[in-house]
Amino acid sequence: MKRAATGSLMGLALGDALGFPTEFNDVPSILTKCGPWREMELPRPAIVTDDTQMTLALC
């Protein structure tokens, strides 16, 4: 049970950090900014937002 919860929280934090650069953008804007998603560079640094911070605080 503990491993599943840890894995879920890790996935949430990674998804939040990787999605941050395109958050609140529509698909055409993302394509203009980043190109096709399969060719997108990983963000550096990957920024963890307040969404992850609040989820971890709640857990």
N, C-alpha and C. Protein backbone atom coordinates (compact mmCIF):
# COMPACT_ATOMS: atom_id res chain seq x y z
N MET A 1 0.83 -1.19 0.00
CA MET A 1 0.00 0.00 0.00
C MET A 1 0.88 1.26 0.00
N LYS A 2 1.92 1.25 0.84
CA LYS A 2 2.80 2.42 0.94
C LYS A 2 3.51 2.68 -0.38
N ARG A 3 3.95 1.63 -1.08
CA ARG A 3 4.66 1.80 -2.36
C ARG A 3 3.73 2.38 -3.42
N ALA A 4 2.47 1.95 -3.42
CA ALA A 4 1.52 2.47 -4.39
C ALA A 4 1.27 3.96 -4.15
N ALA A 5 1.13 4.35 -2.91
CA ALA A 5 0.91 5.76 -2.59
C ALA A 5 2.13 6.60 -2.96
N THR A 6 3.32 6.11 -2.66
CA THR A 6 4.55 6.82 -3.00
C THR A 6 4.68 6.97 -4.51
N GLY A 7 4.40 5.91 -5.24
CA GLY A 7 4.46 5.96 -6.70
C GLY A 7 3.47 6.94 -7.28
N SER A 8 2.27 6.98 -6.72
CA SER A 8 1.25 7.91 -7.20
C SER A 8 1.68 9.36 -6.97
N LEU A 9 2.23 9.64 -5.81
CA LEU A 9 2.68 11.00 -5.51
C LEU A 9 3.88 11.40 -6.37
N MET A 10 4.76 10.45 -6.64
CA MET A 10 5.91 10.73 -7.51
C MET A 10 5.43 11.03 -8.93
N GLY A 11 4.48 10.25 -9.41
CA GLY A 11 3.91 10.50 -10.74
C GLY A 11 3.22 11.84 -10.83
N LEU A 12 2.50 12.22 -9.78
CA LEU A 12 1.84 13.52 -9.75
C LEU A 12 2.87 14.65 -9.81
N ALA A 13 3.92 14.55 -9.02
CA ALA A 13 4.95 15.59 -8.99
C ALA A 13 5.68 15.70 -10.33
N LEU A 14 6.01 14.57 -10.93
CA LEU A 14 6.68 14.59 -12.23
C LEU A 14 5.78 15.17 -13.31
N GLY A 15 4.53 14.75 -13.34
CA GLY A 15 3.59 15.28 -14.33
C GLY A 15 3.39 16.77 -14.17
N ASP A 16 3.31 17.23 -12.94
CA ASP A 16 3.16 18.66 -12.67
C ASP A 16 4.37 19.43 -13.16
N ALA A 17 5.56 18.93 -12.87
CA ALA A 17 6.79 19.62 -13.27
C ALA A 17 6.96 19.63 -14.79
N LEU A 18 6.67 18.52 -15.45
CA LEU A 18 6.84 18.45 -16.89
C LEU A 18 5.76 19.22 -17.65
N GLY A 19 4.58 19.33 -17.07
CA GLY A 19 3.50 20.05 -17.73
C GLY A 19 3.49 21.54 -17.47
N PHE A 20 4.28 22.00 -16.51
CA PHE A 20 4.27 23.41 -16.13
C PHE A 20 4.49 24.38 -17.29
N PRO A 21 5.44 24.13 -18.21
CA PRO A 21 5.68 25.11 -19.28
C PRO A 21 4.50 25.33 -20.21
N THR A 22 3.57 24.38 -20.29
CA THR A 22 2.44 24.52 -21.20
C THR A 22 1.10 24.67 -20.48
N GLU A 23 1.15 24.79 -19.17
CA GLU A 23 -0.08 24.91 -18.39
C GLU A 23 -0.86 26.15 -18.82
N PHE A 24 -2.16 25.99 -18.96
CA PHE A 24 -3.11 27.05 -19.33
C PHE A 24 -2.98 27.49 -20.79
N ASN A 25 -2.27 26.74 -21.61
CA ASN A 25 -2.18 27.03 -23.04
C ASN A 25 -3.07 26.06 -23.80
N ASP A 26 -3.66 26.53 -24.90
CA ASP A 26 -4.43 25.61 -25.73
C ASP A 26 -3.48 24.89 -26.69
N VAL A 27 -3.99 23.86 -27.36
CA VAL A 27 -3.15 23.02 -28.21
C VAL A 27 -2.46 23.82 -29.31
N PRO A 28 -3.16 24.69 -30.05
CA PRO A 28 -2.45 25.45 -31.09
C PRO A 28 -1.30 26.30 -30.53
N SER A 29 -1.48 26.90 -29.36
CA SER A 29 -0.42 27.70 -28.75
C SER A 29 0.77 26.84 -28.36
N ILE A 30 0.49 25.65 -27.83
CA ILE A 30 1.56 24.73 -27.44
C ILE A 30 2.35 24.30 -28.67
N LEU A 31 1.64 23.96 -29.75
CA LEU A 31 2.32 23.54 -30.98
C LEU A 31 3.19 24.66 -31.54
N THR A 32 2.70 25.90 -31.48
CA THR A 32 3.48 27.03 -31.96
C THR A 32 4.73 27.24 -31.11
N LYS A 33 4.56 27.13 -29.81
CA LYS A 33 5.66 27.37 -28.87
C LYS A 33 6.68 26.23 -28.85
N CYS A 34 6.19 24.99 -28.90
CA CYS A 34 7.06 23.84 -28.64
C CYS A 34 7.23 22.89 -29.83
N GLY A 35 6.39 23.00 -30.82
CA GLY A 35 6.42 22.03 -31.92
C GLY A 35 5.71 20.76 -31.53
N PRO A 36 5.82 19.70 -32.33
CA PRO A 36 5.16 18.43 -32.02
C PRO A 36 5.61 17.89 -30.66
N TRP A 37 4.68 17.33 -29.92
CA TRP A 37 4.99 16.91 -28.55
C TRP A 37 6.07 15.84 -28.50
N ARG A 38 6.20 15.04 -29.52
CA ARG A 38 7.23 13.99 -29.50
C ARG A 38 8.63 14.57 -29.66
N GLU A 39 8.72 15.82 -30.06
CA GLU A 39 10.02 16.46 -30.25
C GLU A 39 10.31 17.50 -29.16
N MET A 40 9.41 17.62 -28.18
CA MET A 40 9.59 18.61 -27.12
C MET A 40 10.78 18.26 -26.24
N GLU A 41 11.53 19.27 -25.90
CA GLU A 41 12.63 19.10 -24.94
C GLU A 41 12.04 19.05 -23.53
N LEU A 42 12.67 18.31 -22.66
CA LEU A 42 12.26 18.31 -21.27
C LEU A 42 12.65 19.64 -20.65
N PRO A 43 11.77 20.22 -19.84
CA PRO A 43 12.10 21.52 -19.24
C PRO A 43 13.26 21.40 -18.25
N ARG A 44 14.13 22.40 -18.27
CA ARG A 44 15.24 22.45 -17.31
C ARG A 44 15.32 23.85 -16.75
N PRO A 45 15.15 24.06 -15.52
CA PRO A 45 14.81 23.05 -14.52
C PRO A 45 13.33 22.68 -14.60
N ALA A 46 12.99 21.50 -14.14
CA ALA A 46 11.59 21.09 -14.03
C ALA A 46 11.06 21.72 -12.74
N ILE A 47 10.06 22.55 -12.88
CA ILE A 47 9.56 23.33 -11.74
C ILE A 47 8.35 22.64 -11.12
N VAL A 48 8.42 22.39 -9.84
CA VAL A 48 7.28 21.85 -9.11
C VAL A 48 6.44 23.04 -8.65
N THR A 49 5.15 22.98 -8.95
CA THR A 49 4.28 24.12 -8.65
C THR A 49 3.57 23.96 -7.31
N ASP A 50 2.77 24.95 -7.01
CA ASP A 50 1.99 24.91 -5.78
C ASP A 50 0.98 23.76 -5.78
N ASP A 51 0.60 23.26 -6.95
CA ASP A 51 -0.31 22.12 -6.99
C ASP A 51 0.31 20.91 -6.30
N THR A 52 1.55 20.63 -6.61
CA THR A 52 2.25 19.51 -5.96
C THR A 52 2.49 19.80 -4.48
N GLN A 53 2.88 20.99 -4.17
CA GLN A 53 3.14 21.35 -2.77
C GLN A 53 1.88 21.16 -1.92
N MET A 54 0.73 21.58 -2.43
CA MET A 54 -0.51 21.46 -1.67
C MET A 54 -0.95 19.99 -1.55
N THR A 55 -0.74 19.21 -2.61
CA THR A 55 -1.10 17.78 -2.55
C THR A 55 -0.25 17.06 -1.52
N LEU A 56 1.06 17.34 -1.52
CA LEU A 56 1.94 16.70 -0.53
C LEU A 56 1.60 17.14 0.89
N ALA A 57 1.23 18.39 1.06
CA ALA A 57 0.84 18.88 2.39
C ALA A 57 -0.43 18.18 2.86
N LEU A 58 -1.36 17.96 1.94
CA LEU A 58 -2.61 17.29 2.31
C LEU A 58 -2.36 15.83 2.68
N CYS A 59 -1.45 15.19 1.97
CA CYS A 59 -1.15 13.77 2.27
C CYS A 59 -0.49 13.65 3.62
